[in-house]
Amino acid sequence: QVQLVVSGGGLVQPRGSLRLSCAASGIVFSANAMDWYCQGPGKQRERVAGMTSGGYTDYANSVKDRFTISRDNAKNTVYLQMNNLKPEDAAVYYCAVAGCWGQGTQVTVSS
């Protein structure tokens, strides 16, 4: 049974930073691609960033050069470092693997 536990959301001022974490269990973490998604108010869930098992990364255009996805296979954890946050980044953020989803964490960007 796959479990994904997400943490690290919160309130941050514009141009601030947050780091989200997603700890996985029940899978061979190192063999799986990991993804981050977000869903803003009234919006569809969209993919923010992804990282393959081999370390290849890709990002939504809206977050390129501001967000960085990384993983620590020894800790079965994927991270999303979010810098220079904008009000439009406010959303619930989820991690996903193999069709399974974490519980989501709220990111609020406001002064």
N, C-alpha and C. Protein backbone atom coordinates (compact mmCIF):
# COMPACT_ATOMS: atom_id res chain seq x y z
N GLN A 1 0.85 -1.19 0.00
CA GLN A 1 0.00 0.00 0.00
C GLN A 1 0.89 1.24 0.00
N VAL A 2 0.70 2.07 -1.02
CA VAL A 2 1.51 3.27 -1.14
C VAL A 2 0.97 4.35 -0.22
N GLN A 3 1.87 4.97 0.51
CA GLN A 3 1.51 6.13 1.33
C GLN A 3 2.46 7.27 1.02
N LEU A 4 1.88 8.45 0.88
CA LEU A 4 2.66 9.66 0.62
C LEU A 4 2.27 10.69 1.66
N VAL A 5 3.22 11.16 2.42
CA VAL A 5 2.96 12.14 3.47
C VAL A 5 3.65 13.44 3.09
N VAL A 6 2.85 14.45 2.90
CA VAL A 6 3.34 15.75 2.42
C VAL A 6 3.42 16.72 3.59
N SER A 7 4.46 17.51 3.59
CA SER A 7 4.61 18.53 4.62
C SER A 7 5.33 19.74 4.05
N GLY A 8 5.27 20.84 4.79
CA GLY A 8 6.06 22.01 4.43
C GLY A 8 5.28 23.19 3.90
N GLY A 9 3.99 23.06 3.74
CA GLY A 9 3.21 24.20 3.26
C GLY A 9 3.06 25.25 4.34
N GLY A 10 2.44 26.35 3.98
CA GLY A 10 2.21 27.41 4.94
C GLY A 10 2.00 28.74 4.27
N LEU A 11 2.09 29.77 5.08
CA LEU A 11 1.91 31.14 4.61
C LEU A 11 3.28 31.78 4.40
N VAL A 12 3.44 32.41 3.25
CA VAL A 12 4.71 33.06 2.94
C VAL A 12 4.40 34.35 2.21
N GLN A 13 5.27 35.32 2.38
CA GLN A 13 5.08 36.58 1.67
C GLN A 13 5.56 36.45 0.24
N PRO A 14 5.04 37.28 -0.65
CA PRO A 14 5.55 37.28 -2.03
C PRO A 14 7.06 37.43 -2.04
N ARG A 15 7.67 36.71 -2.95
CA ARG A 15 9.14 36.63 -3.12
C ARG A 15 9.80 35.78 -2.04
N GLY A 16 9.00 35.17 -1.19
CA GLY A 16 9.54 34.27 -0.19
C GLY A 16 9.75 32.87 -0.73
N SER A 17 10.18 31.97 0.17
CA SER A 17 10.51 30.60 -0.21
C SER A 17 9.85 29.61 0.74
N LEU A 18 9.58 28.44 0.20
CA LEU A 18 9.11 27.31 0.99
C LEU A 18 9.72 26.05 0.40
N ARG A 19 9.87 25.04 1.24
CA ARG A 19 10.28 23.74 0.74
C ARG A 19 9.25 22.70 1.18
N LEU A 20 8.69 22.04 0.20
CA LEU A 20 7.75 20.96 0.47
C LEU A 20 8.48 19.63 0.46
N SER A 21 7.99 18.72 1.28
CA SER A 21 8.56 17.38 1.34
C SER A 21 7.45 16.36 1.15
N CYS A 22 7.78 15.26 0.57
CA CYS A 22 6.83 14.17 0.38
C CYS A 22 7.56 12.87 0.68
N ALA A 23 7.21 12.25 1.79
CA ALA A 23 7.83 11.00 2.20
C ALA A 23 6.97 9.83 1.73
N ALA A 24 7.58 8.91 1.04
CA ALA A 24 6.85 7.79 0.44
C ALA A 24 7.17 6.49 1.15
N SER A 25 6.19 5.62 1.19
CA SER A 25 6.39 4.27 1.69
C SER A 25 5.51 3.33 0.88
N GLY A 26 5.87 2.05 0.92
CA GLY A 26 5.07 1.06 0.20
C GLY A 26 5.43 0.91 -1.26
N ILE A 27 6.49 1.58 -1.69
CA ILE A 27 6.96 1.46 -3.07
C ILE A 27 8.47 1.34 -3.07
N VAL A 28 9.00 0.90 -4.20
CA VAL A 28 10.45 0.96 -4.40
C VAL A 28 10.73 2.37 -4.91
N PHE A 29 10.97 3.25 -3.95
CA PHE A 29 11.02 4.67 -4.24
C PHE A 29 12.00 4.99 -5.37
N SER A 30 13.19 4.44 -5.30
CA SER A 30 14.25 4.80 -6.25
C SER A 30 13.91 4.40 -7.68
N ALA A 31 12.96 3.52 -7.85
CA ALA A 31 12.61 3.04 -9.18
C ALA A 31 11.47 3.81 -9.83
N ASN A 32 10.93 4.79 -9.11
CA ASN A 32 9.74 5.48 -9.56
C ASN A 32 9.98 6.96 -9.84
N ALA A 33 9.30 7.44 -10.87
CA ALA A 33 9.24 8.87 -11.09
C ALA A 33 8.31 9.49 -10.06
N MET A 34 8.63 10.71 -9.66
CA MET A 34 7.82 11.43 -8.68
C MET A 34 7.38 12.76 -9.29
N ASP A 35 6.19 13.17 -8.96
CA ASP A 35 5.65 14.40 -9.50
C ASP A 35 5.04 15.27 -8.40
N TRP A 36 5.04 16.55 -8.66
CA TRP A 36 4.33 17.52 -7.83
C TRP A 36 3.24 18.17 -8.68
N TYR A 37 2.08 18.30 -8.08
CA TYR A 37 0.96 18.96 -8.70
C TYR A 37 0.45 20.07 -7.78
N CYS A 38 -0.29 20.99 -8.36
CA CYS A 38 -0.97 21.96 -7.52
C CYS A 38 -2.38 22.19 -8.05
N GLN A 39 -3.23 22.62 -7.15
CA GLN A 39 -4.61 22.95 -7.52
C GLN A 39 -5.00 24.22 -6.79
N GLY A 40 -5.13 25.30 -7.57
CA GLY A 40 -5.55 26.56 -7.01
C GLY A 40 -7.06 26.65 -6.91
N PRO A 41 -7.57 27.65 -6.21
CA PRO A 41 -9.02 27.81 -6.03
C PRO A 41 -9.72 27.92 -7.38
N GLY A 42 -10.69 27.07 -7.60
CA GLY A 42 -11.46 27.11 -8.83
C GLY A 42 -10.72 26.64 -10.06
N LYS A 43 -9.56 26.03 -9.86
CA LYS A 43 -8.76 25.60 -11.01
C LYS A 43 -8.63 24.09 -11.02
N GLN A 44 -8.24 23.58 -12.17
CA GLN A 44 -7.96 22.16 -12.26
C GLN A 44 -6.57 21.87 -11.69
N ARG A 45 -6.41 20.66 -11.25
CA ARG A 45 -5.09 20.26 -10.78
C ARG A 45 -4.13 20.24 -11.95
N GLU A 46 -2.95 20.79 -11.76
CA GLU A 46 -1.96 20.81 -12.83
C GLU A 46 -0.60 20.36 -12.32
N ARG A 47 0.13 19.81 -13.24
CA ARG A 47 1.46 19.29 -12.90
C ARG A 47 2.45 20.43 -12.82
N VAL A 48 3.20 20.47 -11.76
CA VAL A 48 4.17 21.54 -11.53
C VAL A 48 5.57 21.09 -11.90
N ALA A 49 5.95 19.90 -11.47
CA ALA A 49 7.31 19.43 -11.70
C ALA A 49 7.33 17.92 -11.59
N GLY A 50 8.32 17.33 -12.23
CA GLY A 50 8.49 15.89 -12.16
C GLY A 50 9.94 15.51 -12.20
N MET A 51 10.23 14.36 -11.65
CA MET A 51 11.61 13.86 -11.65
C MET A 51 11.57 12.35 -11.86
N THR A 52 12.29 11.89 -12.87
CA THR A 52 12.33 10.46 -13.14
C THR A 52 13.25 9.75 -12.15
N SER A 53 13.22 8.43 -12.21
CA SER A 53 14.11 7.67 -11.34
C SER A 53 15.57 7.93 -11.69
N GLY A 54 15.82 8.31 -12.91
CA GLY A 54 17.19 8.58 -13.34
C GLY A 54 17.64 10.00 -13.11
N GLY A 55 16.75 10.83 -12.56
CA GLY A 55 17.14 12.18 -12.22
C GLY A 55 16.76 13.25 -13.23
N TYR A 56 16.09 12.86 -14.30
CA TYR A 56 15.65 13.88 -15.26
C TYR A 56 14.49 14.67 -14.67
N THR A 57 14.54 15.98 -14.84
CA THR A 57 13.51 16.84 -14.28
C THR A 57 12.82 17.66 -15.38
N ASP A 58 11.59 17.99 -15.14
CA ASP A 58 10.90 18.94 -16.01
C ASP A 58 9.90 19.73 -15.18
N TYR A 59 9.57 20.91 -15.70
CA TYR A 59 8.78 21.86 -14.94
C TYR A 59 7.72 22.52 -15.81
N ALA A 60 6.66 22.93 -15.17
CA ALA A 60 5.69 23.79 -15.85
C ALA A 60 6.37 25.13 -16.16
N ASN A 61 6.00 25.73 -17.25
CA ASN A 61 6.62 26.99 -17.63
C ASN A 61 6.48 28.06 -16.55
N SER A 62 5.37 28.01 -15.84
CA SER A 62 5.08 29.05 -14.85
C SER A 62 6.03 29.01 -13.66
N VAL A 63 6.73 27.89 -13.47
CA VAL A 63 7.59 27.77 -12.28
C VAL A 63 9.06 27.58 -12.63
N LYS A 64 9.36 27.47 -13.90
CA LYS A 64 10.77 27.28 -14.30
C LYS A 64 11.63 28.40 -13.74
N ASP A 65 12.80 28.04 -13.30
CA ASP A 65 13.78 28.97 -12.73
C ASP A 65 13.40 29.48 -11.35
N ARG A 66 12.25 29.02 -10.82
CA ARG A 66 11.88 29.38 -9.46
C ARG A 66 11.73 28.17 -8.56
N PHE A 67 11.25 27.08 -9.11
CA PHE A 67 11.03 25.86 -8.34
C PHE A 67 12.07 24.81 -8.73
N THR A 68 12.45 23.99 -7.75
CA THR A 68 13.39 22.91 -8.00
C THR A 68 12.89 21.64 -7.33
N ILE A 69 12.77 20.59 -8.11
CA ILE A 69 12.41 19.29 -7.57
C ILE A 69 13.68 18.49 -7.34
N SER A 70 13.71 17.77 -6.24
CA SER A 70 14.85 16.91 -5.95
C SER A 70 14.35 15.71 -5.16
N ARG A 71 15.22 14.73 -5.04
CA ARG A 71 14.83 13.54 -4.32
C ARG A 71 16.00 13.00 -3.53
N ASP A 72 15.69 12.35 -2.43
CA ASP A 72 16.68 11.66 -1.62
C ASP A 72 16.22 10.21 -1.52
N ASN A 73 16.80 9.37 -2.31
CA ASN A 73 16.36 7.96 -2.35
C ASN A 73 16.63 7.25 -1.02
N ALA A 74 17.63 7.69 -0.30
CA ALA A 74 17.93 7.06 0.99
C ALA A 74 16.83 7.35 2.01
N LYS A 75 16.14 8.48 1.83
CA LYS A 75 15.07 8.85 2.74
C LYS A 75 13.68 8.64 2.14
N ASN A 76 13.64 8.11 0.92
CA ASN A 76 12.35 7.90 0.23
C ASN A 76 11.54 9.19 0.21
N THR A 77 12.19 10.28 -0.08
CA THR A 77 11.55 11.59 0.00
C THR A 77 11.85 12.40 -1.25
N VAL A 78 10.82 13.08 -1.72
CA VAL A 78 10.97 14.04 -2.82
C VAL A 78 10.65 15.42 -2.27
N TYR A 79 11.36 16.40 -2.79
CA TYR A 79 11.23 17.77 -2.31
C TYR A 79 10.82 18.70 -3.45
N LEU A 80 10.22 19.79 -3.07
CA LEU A 80 9.97 20.87 -4.02
C LEU A 80 10.40 22.17 -3.34
N GLN A 81 11.51 22.69 -3.80
CA GLN A 81 11.99 23.97 -3.31
C GLN A 81 11.34 25.06 -4.15
N MET A 82 10.63 25.96 -3.49
CA MET A 82 9.90 27.00 -4.18
C MET A 82 10.46 28.36 -3.76
N ASN A 83 11.03 29.05 -4.71
CA ASN A 83 11.62 30.36 -4.45
C ASN A 83 10.87 31.44 -5.21
N ASN A 84 11.05 32.66 -4.77
CA ASN A 84 10.42 33.81 -5.42
C ASN A 84 8.93 33.55 -5.64
N LEU A 85 8.26 33.15 -4.58
CA LEU A 85 6.85 32.79 -4.70
C LEU A 85 6.00 33.99 -5.05
N LYS A 86 4.98 33.73 -5.84
CA LYS A 86 4.05 34.75 -6.29
C LYS A 86 2.66 34.43 -5.78
N PRO A 87 1.80 35.42 -5.66
CA PRO A 87 0.43 35.14 -5.21
C PRO A 87 -0.26 34.07 -6.05
N GLU A 88 0.04 34.02 -7.33
CA GLU A 88 -0.61 33.03 -8.20
C GLU A 88 -0.10 31.61 -7.96
N ASP A 89 0.96 31.46 -7.17
CA ASP A 89 1.43 30.12 -6.80
C ASP A 89 0.60 29.52 -5.67
N ALA A 90 -0.24 30.32 -5.04
CA ALA A 90 -1.04 29.82 -3.93
C ALA A 90 -1.96 28.70 -4.41
N ALA A 91 -1.89 27.59 -3.71
CA ALA A 91 -2.64 26.40 -4.12
C ALA A 91 -2.43 25.32 -3.08
N VAL A 92 -3.15 24.23 -3.26
CA VAL A 92 -2.85 23.01 -2.52
C VAL A 92 -1.88 22.22 -3.39
N TYR A 93 -0.80 21.79 -2.79
CA TYR A 93 0.24 21.07 -3.52
C TYR A 93 0.20 19.59 -3.12
N TYR A 94 0.32 18.73 -4.13
CA TYR A 94 0.26 17.30 -3.93
C TYR A 94 1.49 16.66 -4.55
N CYS A 95 1.93 15.58 -3.96
CA CYS A 95 2.90 14.74 -4.66
C CYS A 95 2.18 13.49 -5.14
N ALA A 96 2.76 12.89 -6.16
CA ALA A 96 2.13 11.74 -6.77
C ALA A 96 3.17 10.75 -7.27
N VAL A 97 2.84 9.49 -7.18
CA VAL A 97 3.69 8.43 -7.72
C VAL A 97 2.81 7.26 -8.09
N ALA A 98 3.05 6.72 -9.26
CA ALA A 98 2.38 5.49 -9.70
C ALA A 98 0.86 5.57 -9.53
N GLY A 99 0.30 6.72 -9.82
CA GLY A 99 -1.14 6.87 -9.74
C GLY A 99 -1.68 7.12 -8.34
N CYS A 100 -0.81 7.23 -7.36
CA CYS A 100 -1.22 7.48 -5.98
C CYS A 100 -0.89 8.92 -5.60
N TRP A 101 -1.70 9.46 -4.67
CA TRP A 101 -1.57 10.86 -4.29
C TRP A 101 -1.38 11.02 -2.79
N GLY A 102 -0.57 12.03 -2.45
CA GLY A 102 -0.48 12.43 -1.06
C GLY A 102 -1.67 13.27 -0.68
N GLN A 103 -1.71 13.71 0.58
CA GLN A 103 -2.89 14.39 1.09
C GLN A 103 -2.95 15.86 0.72
N GLY A 104 -1.88 16.42 0.22
CA GLY A 104 -1.89 17.82 -0.15
C GLY A 104 -1.49 18.71 1.00
N THR A 105 -0.85 19.82 0.67
CA THR A 105 -0.48 20.82 1.66
C THR A 105 -0.77 22.20 1.08
N GLN A 106 -1.33 23.07 1.91
CA GLN A 106 -1.74 24.39 1.45
C GLN A 106 -0.55 25.34 1.42
N VAL A 107 -0.39 26.02 0.32
CA VAL A 107 0.60 27.09 0.20
C VAL A 107 -0.17 28.38 -0.04
N THR A 108 0.04 29.34 0.84
CA THR A 108 -0.60 30.65 0.72
C THR A 108 0.48 31.70 0.56
N VAL A 109 0.33 32.53 -0.45
CA VAL A 109 1.31 33.58 -0.72
C VAL A 109 0.59 34.91 -0.60
N SER A 110 0.92 35.62 0.46
CA SER A 110 0.21 36.86 0.73
C SER A 110 1.04 37.74 1.64
N SER A 111 0.91 39.04 1.43
CA SER A 111 1.59 39.99 2.32
C SER A 111 0.66 40.40 3.46
